[in-house]
Amino acid sequence: QVQLVESGGGLVQPGGSLRLSCVASGSLFSSLTMGWHRQAPGIQRELVATISSGAGPNYADSVKGRFTISRDNAKKMVYLQMNNLKPEDTAVYYCNGRSRTGVLDYWGQGTQVTVSS
């Protein structure tokens, strides 16, 4: 079993930056593909970025060049550095860990990110 806990959300002005963190429990972390997803009110949850151990990151087109995902397997942490934030980035951001087969699929409780002046 893996538990995921996000932190780092908040209110930021357009053009600002935030860094989200997600800490995992359990021994499976290094084998999981970790990702960040987001969900805005009335909109389906969407994938933001993913990263696997030993593989490069993948990003949604809407965040390429602005967001950076990284992981630290020793600390069981995954991060999302968000720069040049836009109002349309406002959403609840969820940390996700998924096995290669998809059989194991873990979610955090979410952290709110609000981009507004």
PDB file of N, CA and C in Angstrom:
ATOM      1  N   GLN A   1       0.838  -1.187   0.000  1.00  0.00           N
ATOM      2  CA  GLN A   1       0.000   0.000   0.000  1.00  0.00           C
ATOM      3  C   GLN A   1       0.879   1.245   0.000  1.00  0.00           C
ATOM      4  N   VAL A   2       0.476   2.241  -0.752  1.00  0.00           N
ATOM      5  CA  VAL A   2       1.196   3.501  -0.842  1.00  0.00           C
ATOM      6  C   VAL A   2       0.242   4.630  -0.500  1.00  0.00           C
ATOM      7  N   GLN A   3       0.683   5.522   0.358  1.00  0.00           N
ATOM      8  CA  GLN A   3      -0.073   6.735   0.644  1.00  0.00           C
ATOM      9  C   GLN A   3       0.694   7.937   0.103  1.00  0.00           C
ATOM     10  N   LEU A   4      -0.039   8.869  -0.480  1.00  0.00           N
ATOM     11  CA  LEU A   4       0.560  10.056  -1.075  1.00  0.00           C
ATOM     12  C   LEU A   4      -0.017  11.298  -0.412  1.00  0.00           C
ATOM     13  N   VAL A   5       0.845  12.228  -0.050  1.00  0.00           N
ATOM     14  CA  VAL A   5       0.411  13.458   0.605  1.00  0.00           C
ATOM     15  C   VAL A   5       1.047  14.641  -0.119  1.00  0.00           C
ATOM     16  N   GLU A   6       0.184  15.511  -0.659  1.00  0.00           N
ATOM     17  CA  GLU A   6       0.660  16.692  -1.376  1.00  0.00           C
ATOM     18  C   GLU A   6       0.770  17.896  -0.446  1.00  0.00           C
ATOM     19  N   SER A   7       1.605  18.837  -0.846  1.00  0.00           N
ATOM     20  CA  SER A   7       1.705  20.113  -0.152  1.00  0.00           C
ATOM     21  C   SER A   7       2.237  21.151  -1.136  1.00  0.00           C
ATOM     22  N   GLY A   8       2.124  22.418  -0.754  1.00  0.00           N
ATOM     23  CA  GLY A   8       2.714  23.489  -1.544  1.00  0.00           C
ATOM     24  C   GLY A   8       1.739  24.322  -2.348  1.00  0.00           C
ATOM     25  N   GLY A   9       0.460  23.982  -2.324  1.00  0.00           N
ATOM     26  CA  GLY A   9      -0.500  24.785  -3.048  1.00  0.00           C
ATOM     27  C   GLY A   9      -0.730  26.122  -2.368  1.00  0.00           C
ATOM     28  N   GLY A  10      -1.476  26.988  -3.047  1.00  0.00           N
ATOM     29  CA  GLY A  10      -1.782  28.286  -2.469  1.00  0.00           C
ATOM     30  C   GLY A  10      -2.271  29.260  -3.512  1.00  0.00           C
ATOM     31  N   LEU A  11      -2.298  30.519  -3.121  1.00  0.00           N
ATOM     32  CA  LEU A  11      -2.734  31.607  -3.994  1.00  0.00           C
ATOM     33  C   LEU A  11      -1.505  32.332  -4.530  1.00  0.00           C
ATOM     34  N   VAL A  12      -1.473  32.530  -5.839  1.00  0.00           N
ATOM     35  CA  VAL A  12      -0.337  33.201  -6.462  1.00  0.00           C
ATOM     36  C   VAL A  12      -0.852  34.093  -7.584  1.00  0.00           C
ATOM     37  N   GLN A  13      -0.154  35.177  -7.835  1.00  0.00           N
ATOM     38  CA  GLN A  13      -0.543  36.081  -8.910  1.00  0.00           C
ATOM     39  C   GLN A  13      -0.107  35.524 -10.264  1.00  0.00           C
ATOM     40  N   PRO A  14      -0.800  35.921 -11.328  1.00  0.00           N
ATOM     41  CA  PRO A  14      -0.358  35.495 -12.670  1.00  0.00           C
ATOM     42  C   PRO A  14       1.105  35.852 -12.902  1.00  0.00           C
ATOM     43  N   GLY A  15       1.831  34.923 -13.507  1.00  0.00           N
ATOM     44  CA  GLY A  15       3.261  35.099 -13.723  1.00  0.00           C
ATOM     45  C   GLY A  15       4.120  34.596 -12.586  1.00  0.00           C
ATOM     46  N   GLY A  16       3.490  34.249 -11.475  1.00  0.00           N
ATOM     47  CA  GLY A  16       4.236  33.772 -10.319  1.00  0.00           C
ATOM     48  C   GLY A  16       4.583  32.300 -10.406  1.00  0.00           C
ATOM     49  N   SER A  17       5.183  31.812  -9.325  1.00  0.00           N
ATOM     50  CA  SER A  17       5.637  30.421  -9.272  1.00  0.00           C
ATOM     51  C   SER A  17       5.186  29.747  -7.995  1.00  0.00           C
ATOM     52  N   LEU A  18       5.027  28.441  -8.081  1.00  0.00           N
ATOM     53  CA  LEU A  18       4.764  27.583  -6.923  1.00  0.00           C
ATOM     54  C   LEU A  18       5.491  26.271  -7.133  1.00  0.00           C
ATOM     55  N   ARG A  19       5.831  25.627  -6.036  1.00  0.00           N
ATOM     56  CA  ARG A  19       6.422  24.296  -6.099  1.00  0.00           C
ATOM     57  C   ARG A  19       5.564  23.357  -5.275  1.00  0.00           C
ATOM     58  N   LEU A  20       4.987  22.375  -5.929  1.00  0.00           N
ATOM     59  CA  LEU A  20       4.219  21.348  -5.242  1.00  0.00           C
ATOM     60  C   LEU A  20       5.121  20.182  -4.880  1.00  0.00           C
ATOM     61  N   SER A  21       4.844  19.584  -3.729  1.00  0.00           N
ATOM     62  CA  SER A  21       5.591  18.412  -3.280  1.00  0.00           C
ATOM     63  C   SER A  21       4.625  17.294  -2.953  1.00  0.00           C
ATOM     64  N   CYS A  22       5.086  16.079  -3.124  1.00  0.00           N
ATOM     65  CA  CYS A  22       4.281  14.901  -2.794  1.00  0.00           C
ATOM     66  C   CYS A  22       5.212  13.882  -2.147  1.00  0.00           C
ATOM     67  N   VAL A  23       4.866  13.482  -0.940  1.00  0.00           N
ATOM     68  CA  VAL A  23       5.668  12.479  -0.238  1.00  0.00           C
ATOM     69  C   VAL A  23       4.899  11.169  -0.199  1.00  0.00           C
ATOM     70  N   ALA A  24       5.612  10.081  -0.429  1.00  0.00           N
ATOM     71  CA  ALA A  24       4.991   8.764  -0.483  1.00  0.00           C
ATOM     72  C   ALA A  24       5.448   7.895   0.679  1.00  0.00           C
ATOM     73  N   SER A  25       4.571   7.009   1.096  1.00  0.00           N
ATOM     74  CA  SER A  25       4.932   5.990   2.077  1.00  0.00           C
ATOM     75  C   SER A  25       5.018   4.650   1.373  1.00  0.00           C
ATOM     76  N   GLY A  26       5.580   3.650   2.032  1.00  0.00           N
ATOM     77  CA  GLY A  26       5.642   2.329   1.438  1.00  0.00           C
ATOM     78  C   GLY A  26       6.901   2.102   0.637  1.00  0.00           C
ATOM     79  N   SER A  27       7.057   0.876   0.166  1.00  0.00           N
ATOM     80  CA  SER A  27       8.306   0.466  -0.478  1.00  0.00           C
ATOM     81  C   SER A  27       8.224   0.411  -2.002  1.00  0.00           C
ATOM     82  N   LEU A  28       7.101   0.785  -2.577  1.00  0.00           N
ATOM     83  CA  LEU A  28       6.910   0.630  -4.021  1.00  0.00           C
ATOM     84  C   LEU A  28       7.284   1.861  -4.823  1.00  0.00           C
ATOM     85  N   PHE A  29       7.641   2.933  -4.145  1.00  0.00           N
ATOM     86  CA  PHE A  29       7.737   4.236  -4.806  1.00  0.00           C
ATOM     87  C   PHE A  29       8.610   4.196  -6.057  1.00  0.00           C
ATOM     88  N   SER A  30       9.797   3.618  -5.948  1.00  0.00           N
ATOM     89  CA  SER A  30      10.739   3.689  -7.069  1.00  0.00           C
ATOM     90  C   SER A  30      10.235   2.949  -8.307  1.00  0.00           C
ATOM     91  N   SER A  31       9.312   2.033  -8.121  1.00  0.00           N
ATOM     92  CA  SER A  31       8.798   1.264  -9.262  1.00  0.00           C
ATOM     93  C   SER A  31       7.580   1.906  -9.917  1.00  0.00           C
ATOM     94  N   LEU A  32       7.059   2.950  -9.302  1.00  0.00           N
ATOM     95  CA  LEU A  32       5.843   3.589  -9.799  1.00  0.00           C
ATOM     96  C   LEU A  32       6.151   4.728 -10.754  1.00  0.00           C
ATOM     97  N   THR A  33       5.309   4.861 -11.761  1.00  0.00           N
ATOM     98  CA  THR A  33       5.300   6.088 -12.544  1.00  0.00           C
ATOM     99  C   THR A  33       4.538   7.126 -11.742  1.00  0.00           C
ATOM    100  N   MET A  34       5.200   8.217 -11.455  1.00  0.00           N
ATOM    101  CA  MET A  34       4.575   9.272 -10.652  1.00  0.00           C
ATOM    102  C   MET A  34       4.097  10.390 -11.565  1.00  0.00           C
ATOM    103  N   GLY A  35       2.992  10.982 -11.173  1.00  0.00           N
ATOM    104  CA  GLY A  35       2.439  12.034 -12.000  1.00  0.00           C
ATOM    105  C   GLY A  35       1.683  13.051 -11.202  1.00  0.00           C
ATOM    106  N   TRP A  36       1.431  14.163 -11.846  1.00  0.00           N
ATOM    107  CA  TRP A  36       0.562  15.201 -11.311  1.00  0.00           C
ATOM    108  C   TRP A  36      -0.615  15.365 -12.277  1.00  0.00           C
ATOM    109  N   HIS A  37      -1.805  15.422 -11.709  1.00  0.00           N
ATOM    110  CA  HIS A  37      -3.025  15.664 -12.448  1.00  0.00           C
ATOM    111  C   HIS A  37      -3.706  16.869 -11.821  1.00  0.00           C
ATOM    112  N   ARG A  38      -4.624  17.467 -12.528  1.00  0.00           N
ATOM    113  CA  ARG A  38      -5.357  18.592 -11.965  1.00  0.00           C
ATOM    114  C   ARG A  38      -6.809  18.550 -12.408  1.00  0.00           C
ATOM    115  N   GLN A  39      -7.643  19.157 -11.565  1.00  0.00           N
ATOM    116  CA  GLN A  39      -9.065  19.222 -11.875  1.00  0.00           C
ATOM    117  C   GLN A  39      -9.613  20.569 -11.465  1.00  0.00           C
ATOM    118  N   ALA A  40     -10.131  21.280 -12.439  1.00  0.00           N
ATOM    119  CA  ALA A  40     -10.797  22.551 -12.194  1.00  0.00           C
ATOM    120  C   ALA A  40     -12.293  22.304 -12.088  1.00  0.00           C
ATOM    121  N   PRO A  41     -13.024  23.205 -11.430  1.00  0.00           N
ATOM    122  CA  PRO A  41     -14.473  23.010 -11.281  1.00  0.00           C
ATOM    123  C   PRO A  41     -15.161  22.825 -12.624  1.00  0.00           C
ATOM    124  N   GLY A  42     -15.988  21.779 -12.714  1.00  0.00           N
ATOM    125  CA  GLY A  42     -16.748  21.527 -13.921  1.00  0.00           C
ATOM    126  C   GLY A  42     -15.957  20.970 -15.081  1.00  0.00           C
ATOM    127  N   ILE A  43     -14.693  20.653 -14.843  1.00  0.00           N
ATOM    128  CA  ILE A  43     -13.827  20.141 -15.906  1.00  0.00           C
ATOM    129  C   ILE A  43     -13.279  18.783 -15.486  1.00  0.00           C
ATOM    130  N   GLN A  44     -13.153  17.889 -16.458  1.00  0.00           N
ATOM    131  CA  GLN A  44     -12.626  16.560 -16.178  1.00  0.00           C
ATOM    132  C   GLN A  44     -11.170  16.657 -15.727  1.00  0.00           C
ATOM    133  N   ARG A  45     -10.784  15.764 -14.812  1.00  0.00           N
ATOM    134  CA  ARG A  45      -9.402  15.718 -14.343  1.00  0.00           C
ATOM    135  C   ARG A  45      -8.481  15.466 -15.524  1.00  0.00           C
ATOM    136  N   GLU A  46      -7.365  16.204 -15.580  1.00  0.00           N
ATOM    137  CA  GLU A  46      -6.443  16.068 -16.701  1.00  0.00           C
ATOM    138  C   GLU A  46      -5.019  15.817 -16.217  1.00  0.00           C
ATOM    139  N   LEU A  47      -4.282  15.100 -17.047  1.00  0.00           N
ATOM    140  CA  LEU A  47      -2.896  14.810 -16.747  1.00  0.00           C
ATOM    141  C   LEU A  47      -2.049  16.060 -16.989  1.00  0.00           C
ATOM    142  N   VAL A  48      -1.168  16.361 -16.038  1.00  0.00           N
ATOM    143  CA  VAL A  48      -0.267  17.501 -16.168  1.00  0.00           C
ATOM    144  C   VAL A  48       1.137  17.038 -16.564  1.00  0.00           C
ATOM    145  N   ALA A  49       1.663  16.073 -15.817  1.00  0.00           N
ATOM    146  CA  ALA A  49       3.026  15.600 -16.087  1.00  0.00           C
ATOM    147  C   ALA A  49       3.234  14.247 -15.432  1.00  0.00           C
ATOM    148  N   THR A  50       4.115  13.449 -16.026  1.00  0.00           N
ATOM    149  CA  THR A  50       4.485  12.166 -15.432  1.00  0.00           C
ATOM    150  C   THR A  50       5.993  11.980 -15.509  1.00  0.00           C
ATOM    151  N   ILE A  51       6.506  11.116 -14.626  1.00  0.00           N
ATOM    152  CA  ILE A  51       7.925  10.782 -14.644  1.00  0.00           C
ATOM    153  C   ILE A  51       8.102   9.377 -14.095  1.00  0.00           C
ATOM    154  N   SER A  52       8.916   8.588 -14.778  1.00  0.00           N
ATOM    155  CA  SER A  52       9.242   7.240 -14.334  1.00  0.00           C
ATOM    156  C   SER A  52      10.714   7.186 -13.958  1.00  0.00           C
ATOM    157  N   SER A  53      11.064   6.251 -13.100  1.00  0.00           N
ATOM    158  CA  SER A  53      12.474   6.066 -12.754  1.00  0.00           C
ATOM    159  C   SER A  53      13.241   5.663 -14.002  1.00  0.00           C
ATOM    160  N   GLY A  54      14.265   6.389 -14.329  1.00  0.00           N
ATOM    161  CA  GLY A  54      15.093   6.058 -15.470  1.00  0.00           C
ATOM    162  C   GLY A  54      14.549   6.499 -16.807  1.00  0.00           C
ATOM    163  N   ALA A  55      13.457   7.240 -16.812  1.00  0.00           N
ATOM    164  CA  ALA A  55      12.879   7.726 -18.067  1.00  0.00           C
ATOM    165  C   ALA A  55      12.616   9.218 -17.954  1.00  0.00           C
ATOM    166  N   GLY A  56      12.558   9.853 -19.102  1.00  0.00           N
ATOM    167  CA  GLY A  56      12.334  11.287 -19.130  1.00  0.00           C
ATOM    168  C   GLY A  56      10.903  11.644 -18.790  1.00  0.00           C
ATOM    169  N   PRO A  57      10.674  12.893 -18.440  1.00  0.00           N
ATOM    170  CA  PRO A  57       9.332  13.331 -18.097  1.00  0.00           C
ATOM    171  C   PRO A  57       8.455  13.563 -19.328  1.00  0.00           C
ATOM    172  N   ASN A  58       7.171  13.552 -19.085  1.00  0.00           N
ATOM    173  CA  ASN A  58       6.191  13.877 -20.116  1.00  0.00           C
ATOM    174  C   ASN A  58       5.268  14.962 -19.593  1.00  0.00           C
ATOM    175  N   TYR A  59       4.870  15.876 -20.467  1.00  0.00           N
ATOM    176  CA  TYR A  59       4.058  17.017 -20.057  1.00  0.00           C
ATOM    177  C   TYR A  59       2.868  17.199 -20.981  1.00  0.00           C
ATOM    178  N   ALA A  60       1.797  17.718 -20.402  1.00  0.00           N
ATOM    179  CA  ALA A  60       0.688  18.177 -21.222  1.00  0.00           C
ATOM    180  C   ALA A  60       1.157  19.391 -22.017  1.00  0.00           C
ATOM    181  N   ASP A  61       0.618  19.549 -23.216  1.00  0.00           N
ATOM    182  CA  ASP A  61       1.024  20.666 -24.063  1.00  0.00           C
ATOM    183  C   ASP A  61       0.806  22.012 -23.372  1.00  0.00           C
ATOM    184  N   SER A  62      -0.223  22.093 -22.549  1.00  0.00           N
ATOM    185  CA  SER A  62      -0.583  23.365 -21.918  1.00  0.00           C
ATOM    186  C   SER A  62       0.440  23.834 -20.884  1.00  0.00           C
ATOM    187  N   VAL A  63       1.309  22.938 -20.420  1.00  0.00           N
ATOM    188  CA  VAL A  63       2.271  23.325 -19.390  1.00  0.00           C
ATOM    189  C   VAL A  63       3.723  23.199 -19.842  1.00  0.00           C
ATOM    190  N   LYS A  64       3.950  22.705 -21.049  1.00  0.00           N
ATOM    191  CA  LYS A  64       5.329  22.551 -21.546  1.00  0.00           C
ATOM    192  C   LYS A  64       6.058  23.884 -21.532  1.00  0.00           C
ATOM    193  N   GLY A  65       7.279  23.851 -21.027  1.00  0.00           N
ATOM    194  CA  GLY A  65       8.085  25.065 -20.954  1.00  0.00           C
ATOM    195  C   GLY A  65       7.837  25.884 -19.708  1.00  0.00           C
ATOM    196  N   ARG A  66       6.790  25.559 -18.946  1.00  0.00           N
ATOM    197  CA  ARG A  66       6.481  26.313 -17.719  1.00  0.00           C
ATOM    198  C   ARG A  66       6.599  25.445 -16.469  1.00  0.00           C
ATOM    199  N   PHE A  67       6.233  24.175 -16.586  1.00  0.00           N
ATOM    200  CA  PHE A  67       6.243  23.266 -15.439  1.00  0.00           C
ATOM    201  C   PHE A  67       7.379  22.254 -15.583  1.00  0.00           C
ATOM    202  N   THR A  68       7.925  21.849 -14.435  1.00  0.00           N
ATOM    203  CA  THR A  68       8.962  20.824 -14.412  1.00  0.00           C
ATOM    204  C   THR A  68       8.647  19.807 -13.326  1.00  0.00           C
ATOM    205  N   ILE A  69       8.575  18.540 -13.711  1.00  0.00           N
ATOM    206  CA  ILE A  69       8.359  17.467 -12.748  1.00  0.00           C
ATOM    207  C   ILE A  69       9.703  16.801 -12.450  1.00  0.00           C
ATOM    208  N   SER A  70       9.886  16.429 -11.193  1.00  0.00           N
ATOM    209  CA  SER A  70      11.103  15.729 -10.799  1.00  0.00           C
ATOM    210  C   SER A  70      10.781  14.779  -9.657  1.00  0.00           C
ATOM    211  N   ARG A  71      11.689  13.843  -9.409  1.00  0.00           N
ATOM    212  CA  ARG A  71      11.468  12.897  -8.325  1.00  0.00           C
ATOM    213  C   ARG A  71      12.791  12.600  -7.633  1.00  0.00           C
ATOM    214  N   ASP A  72      12.673  12.216  -6.366  1.00  0.00           N
ATOM    215  CA  ASP A  72      13.814  11.807  -5.559  1.00  0.00           C
ATOM    216  C   ASP A  72      13.436  10.477  -4.928  1.00  0.00           C
ATOM    217  N   ASN A  73      13.917   9.388  -5.508  1.00  0.00           N
ATOM    218  CA  ASN A  73      13.508   8.072  -5.016  1.00  0.00           C
ATOM    219  C   ASN A  73      14.004   7.808  -3.594  1.00  0.00           C
ATOM    220  N   ALA A  74      15.149   8.345  -3.242  1.00  0.00           N
ATOM    221  CA  ALA A  74      15.687   8.123  -1.898  1.00  0.00           C
ATOM    222  C   ALA A  74      14.786   8.758  -0.842  1.00  0.00           C
ATOM    223  N   LYS A  75      14.203   9.890  -1.181  1.00  0.00           N
ATOM    224  CA  LYS A  75      13.312  10.587  -0.242  1.00  0.00           C
ATOM    225  C   LYS A  75      11.852  10.242  -0.476  1.00  0.00           C
ATOM    226  N   LYS A  76      11.567   9.453  -1.528  1.00  0.00           N
ATOM    227  CA  LYS A  76      10.187   9.116  -1.880  1.00  0.00           C
ATOM    228  C   LYS A  76       9.367  10.379  -2.108  1.00  0.00           C
ATOM    229  N   MET A  77       9.930  11.273  -2.881  1.00  0.00           N
ATOM    230  CA  MET A  77       9.291  12.552  -3.143  1.00  0.00           C
ATOM    231  C   MET A  77       9.157  12.769  -4.645  1.00  0.00           C
ATOM    232  N   VAL A  78       8.087  13.469  -5.016  1.00  0.00           N
ATOM    233  CA  VAL A  78       7.936  13.954  -6.382  1.00  0.00           C
ATOM    234  C   VAL A  78       7.517  15.413  -6.296  1.00  0.00           C
ATOM    235  N   TYR A  79       8.040  16.218  -7.222  1.00  0.00           N
ATOM    236  CA  TYR A  79       7.837  17.648  -7.181  1.00  0.00           C
ATOM    237  C   TYR A  79       7.262  18.137  -8.506  1.00  0.00           C
ATOM    238  N   LEU A  80       6.575  19.275  -8.422  1.00  0.00           N
ATOM    239  CA  LEU A  80       6.126  19.960  -9.628  1.00  0.00           C
ATOM    240  C   LEU A  80       6.446  21.436  -9.452  1.00  0.00           C
ATOM    241  N   GLN A  81       7.454  21.887 -10.178  1.00  0.00           N
ATOM    242  CA  GLN A  81       7.799  23.306 -10.183  1.00  0.00           C
ATOM    243  C   GLN A  81       6.968  23.984 -11.258  1.00  0.00           C
ATOM    244  N   MET A  82       6.199  24.967 -10.848  1.00  0.00           N
ATOM    245  CA  MET A  82       5.294  25.654 -11.770  1.00  0.00           C
ATOM    246  C   MET A  82       5.703  27.108 -11.874  1.00  0.00           C
ATOM    247  N   ASN A  83       6.101  27.516 -13.054  1.00  0.00           N
ATOM    248  CA  ASN A  83       6.508  28.890 -13.309  1.00  0.00           C
ATOM    249  C   ASN A  83       5.559  29.560 -14.291  1.00  0.00           C
ATOM    250  N   ASN A  84       5.597  30.875 -14.301  1.00  0.00           N
ATOM    251  CA  ASN A  84       4.756  31.650 -15.223  1.00  0.00           C
ATOM    252  C   ASN A  84       3.300  31.165 -15.162  1.00  0.00           C
ATOM    253  N   LEU A  85       2.790  31.084 -13.969  1.00  0.00           N
ATOM    254  CA  LEU A  85       1.437  30.563 -13.776  1.00  0.00           C
ATOM    255  C   LEU A  85       0.392  31.479 -14.391  1.00  0.00           C
ATOM    256  N   LYS A  86      -0.664  30.842 -14.895  1.00  0.00           N
ATOM    257  CA  LYS A  86      -1.756  31.550 -15.555  1.00  0.00           C
ATOM    258  C   LYS A  86      -3.055  31.260 -14.817  1.00  0.00           C
ATOM    259  N   PRO A  87      -4.047  32.133 -14.933  1.00  0.00           N
ATOM    260  CA  PRO A  87      -5.331  31.863 -14.268  1.00  0.00           C
ATOM    261  C   PRO A  87      -5.915  30.506 -14.648  1.00  0.00           C
ATOM    262  N   GLU A  88      -5.688  30.066 -15.861  1.00  0.00           N
ATOM    263  CA  GLU A  88      -6.227  28.762 -16.286  1.00  0.00           C
ATOM    264  C   GLU A  88      -5.512  27.580 -15.645  1.00  0.00           C
ATOM    265  N   ASP A  89      -4.455  27.823 -14.902  1.00  0.00           N
ATOM    266  CA  ASP A  89      -3.800  26.764 -14.134  1.00  0.00           C
ATOM    267  C   ASP A  89      -4.503  26.518 -12.803  1.00  0.00           C
ATOM    268  N   THR A  90      -5.463  27.362 -12.468  1.00  0.00           N
ATOM    269  CA  THR A  90      -6.198  27.204 -11.217  1.00  0.00           C
ATOM    270  C   THR A  90      -6.928  25.864 -11.208  1.00  0.00           C
ATOM    271  N   ALA A  91      -6.674  25.079 -10.164  1.00  0.00           N
ATOM    272  CA  ALA A  91      -7.261  23.744 -10.069  1.00  0.00           C
ATOM    273  C   ALA A  91      -6.808  23.100  -8.762  1.00  0.00           C
ATOM    274  N   VAL A  92      -7.414  21.979  -8.457  1.00  0.00           N
ATOM    275  CA  VAL A  92      -6.875  21.110  -7.418  1.00  0.00           C
ATOM    276  C   VAL A  92      -5.877  20.166  -8.090  1.00  0.00           C
ATOM    277  N   TYR A  93      -4.691  20.122  -7.551  1.00  0.00           N
ATOM    278  CA  TYR A  93      -3.619  19.299  -8.123  1.00  0.00           C
ATOM    279  C   TYR A  93      -3.456  18.025  -7.289  1.00  0.00           C
ATOM    280  N   TYR A  94      -3.432  16.902  -7.993  1.00  0.00           N
ATOM    281  CA  TYR A  94      -3.361  15.600  -7.347  1.00  0.00           C
ATOM    282  C   TYR A  94      -2.071  14.887  -7.728  1.00  0.00           C
ATOM    283  N   CYS A  95      -1.457  14.290  -6.738  1.00  0.00           N
ATOM    284  CA  CYS A  95      -0.301  13.419  -6.957  1.00  0.00           C
ATOM    285  C   CYS A  95      -0.808  12.004  -7.225  1.00  0.00           C
ATOM    286  N   ASN A  96      -0.192  11.335  -8.177  1.00  0.00           N
ATOM    287  CA  ASN A  96      -0.618   9.985  -8.556  1.00  0.00           C
ATOM    288  C   ASN A  96       0.592   9.078  -8.712  1.00  0.00           C
ATOM    289  N   GLY A  97       0.439   7.847  -8.270  1.00  0.00           N
ATOM    290  CA  GLY A  97       1.452   6.826  -8.476  1.00  0.00           C
ATOM    291  C   GLY A  97       0.809   5.597  -9.088  1.00  0.00           C
ATOM    292  N   ARG A  98       1.379   5.134 -10.199  1.00  0.00           N
ATOM    293  CA  ARG A  98       0.754   4.025 -10.929  1.00  0.00           C
ATOM    294  C   ARG A  98       1.813   3.009 -11.346  1.00  0.00           C
ATOM    295  N   SER A  99       1.449   1.732 -11.191  1.00  0.00           N
ATOM    296  CA  SER A  99       2.359   0.678 -11.635  1.00  0.00           C
ATOM    297  C   SER A  99       2.334   0.576 -13.162  1.00  0.00           C
ATOM    298  N   ARG A 100       3.325  -0.104 -13.711  1.00  0.00           N
ATOM    299  CA  ARG A 100       3.439  -0.198 -15.167  1.00  0.00           C
ATOM    300  C   ARG A 100       2.207  -0.876 -15.776  1.00  0.00           C
ATOM    301  N   THR A 101       1.621  -1.819 -15.060  1.00  0.00           N
ATOM    302  CA  THR A 101       0.440  -2.513 -15.571  1.00  0.00           C
ATOM    303  C   THR A 101      -0.840  -1.725 -15.331  1.00  0.00           C
ATOM    304  N   GLY A 102      -0.754  -0.736 -14.457  1.00  0.00           N
ATOM    305  CA  GLY A 102      -1.951   0.021 -14.120  1.00  0.00           C
ATOM    306  C   GLY A 102      -2.802  -0.611 -13.037  1.00  0.00           C
ATOM    307  N   VAL A 103      -2.393  -1.779 -12.589  1.00  0.00           N
ATOM    308  CA  VAL A 103      -3.176  -2.467 -11.554  1.00  0.00           C
ATOM    309  C   VAL A 103      -3.122  -1.705 -10.240  1.00  0.00           C
ATOM    310  N   LEU A 104      -1.937  -1.162  -9.925  1.00  0.00           N
ATOM    311  CA  LEU A 104      -1.785  -0.354  -8.724  1.00  0.00           C
ATOM    312  C   LEU A 104      -1.894   1.112  -9.116  1.00  0.00           C
ATOM    313  N   ASP A 105      -2.774   1.828  -8.431  1.00  0.00           N
ATOM    314  CA  ASP A 105      -3.074   3.211  -8.803  1.00  0.00           C
ATOM    315  C   ASP A 105      -3.399   3.978  -7.534  1.00  0.00           C
ATOM    316  N   TYR A 106      -2.516   4.866  -7.134  1.00  0.00           N
ATOM    317  CA  TYR A 106      -2.646   5.573  -5.866  1.00  0.00           C
ATOM    318  C   TYR A 106      -2.812   7.073  -6.108  1.00  0.00           C
ATOM    319  N   TRP A 107      -3.618   7.709  -5.235  1.00  0.00           N
ATOM    320  CA  TRP A 107      -3.889   9.134  -5.363  1.00  0.00           C
ATOM    321  C   TRP A 107      -3.732   9.828  -4.018  1.00  0.00           C
ATOM    322  N   GLY A 108      -3.258  11.064  -4.071  1.00  0.00           N
ATOM    323  CA  GLY A 108      -3.250  11.896  -2.890  1.00  0.00           C
ATOM    324  C   GLY A 108      -4.591  12.594  -2.735  1.00  0.00           C
ATOM    325  N   GLN A 109      -4.690  13.408  -1.703  1.00  0.00           N
ATOM    326  CA  GLN A 109      -5.957  14.082  -1.409  1.00  0.00           C
ATOM    327  C   GLN A 109      -6.123  15.379  -2.181  1.00  0.00           C
ATOM    328  N   GLY A 110      -5.049  15.862  -2.781  1.00  0.00           N
ATOM    329  CA  GLY A 110      -5.118  17.076  -3.589  1.00  0.00           C
ATOM    330  C   GLY A 110      -4.707  18.317  -2.837  1.00  0.00           C
ATOM    331  N   THR A 111      -4.193  19.285  -3.580  1.00  0.00           N
ATOM    332  CA  THR A 111      -3.833  20.585  -3.014  1.00  0.00           C
ATOM    333  C   THR A 111      -4.304  21.670  -3.982  1.00  0.00           C
ATOM    334  N   GLN A 112      -4.913  22.707  -3.427  1.00  0.00           N
ATOM    335  CA  GLN A 112      -5.518  23.751  -4.253  1.00  0.00           C
ATOM    336  C   GLN A 112      -4.453  24.745  -4.723  1.00  0.00           C
ATOM    337  N   VAL A 113      -4.484  25.040  -6.014  1.00  0.00           N
ATOM    338  CA  VAL A 113      -3.655  26.090  -6.593  1.00  0.00           C
ATOM    339  C   VAL A 113      -4.595  27.117  -7.226  1.00  0.00           C
ATOM    340  N   THR A 114      -4.478  28.351  -6.792  1.00  0.00           N
ATOM    341  CA  THR A 114      -5.305  29.430  -7.319  1.00  0.00           C
ATOM    342  C   THR A 114      -4.406  30.521  -7.879  1.00  0.00           C
ATOM    343  N   VAL A 115      -4.605  30.837  -9.149  1.00  0.00           N
ATOM    344  CA  VAL A 115      -3.817  31.884  -9.803  1.00  0.00           C
ATOM    345  C   VAL A 115      -4.759  33.046 -10.094  1.00  0.00           C
ATOM    346  N   SER A 116      -4.553  34.128  -9.375  1.00  0.00           N
ATOM    347  CA  SER A 116      -5.466  35.264  -9.485  1.00  0.00           C
ATOM    348  C   SER A 116      -4.777  36.526  -9.005  1.00  0.00           C
ATOM    349  N   SER A 117      -5.162  37.636  -9.619  1.00  0.00           N
ATOM    350  CA  SER A 117      -4.625  38.922  -9.174  1.00  0.00           C
ATOM    351  C   SER A 117      -5.579  39.573  -8.171  1.00  0.00           C
TER     352      SER A 117
END
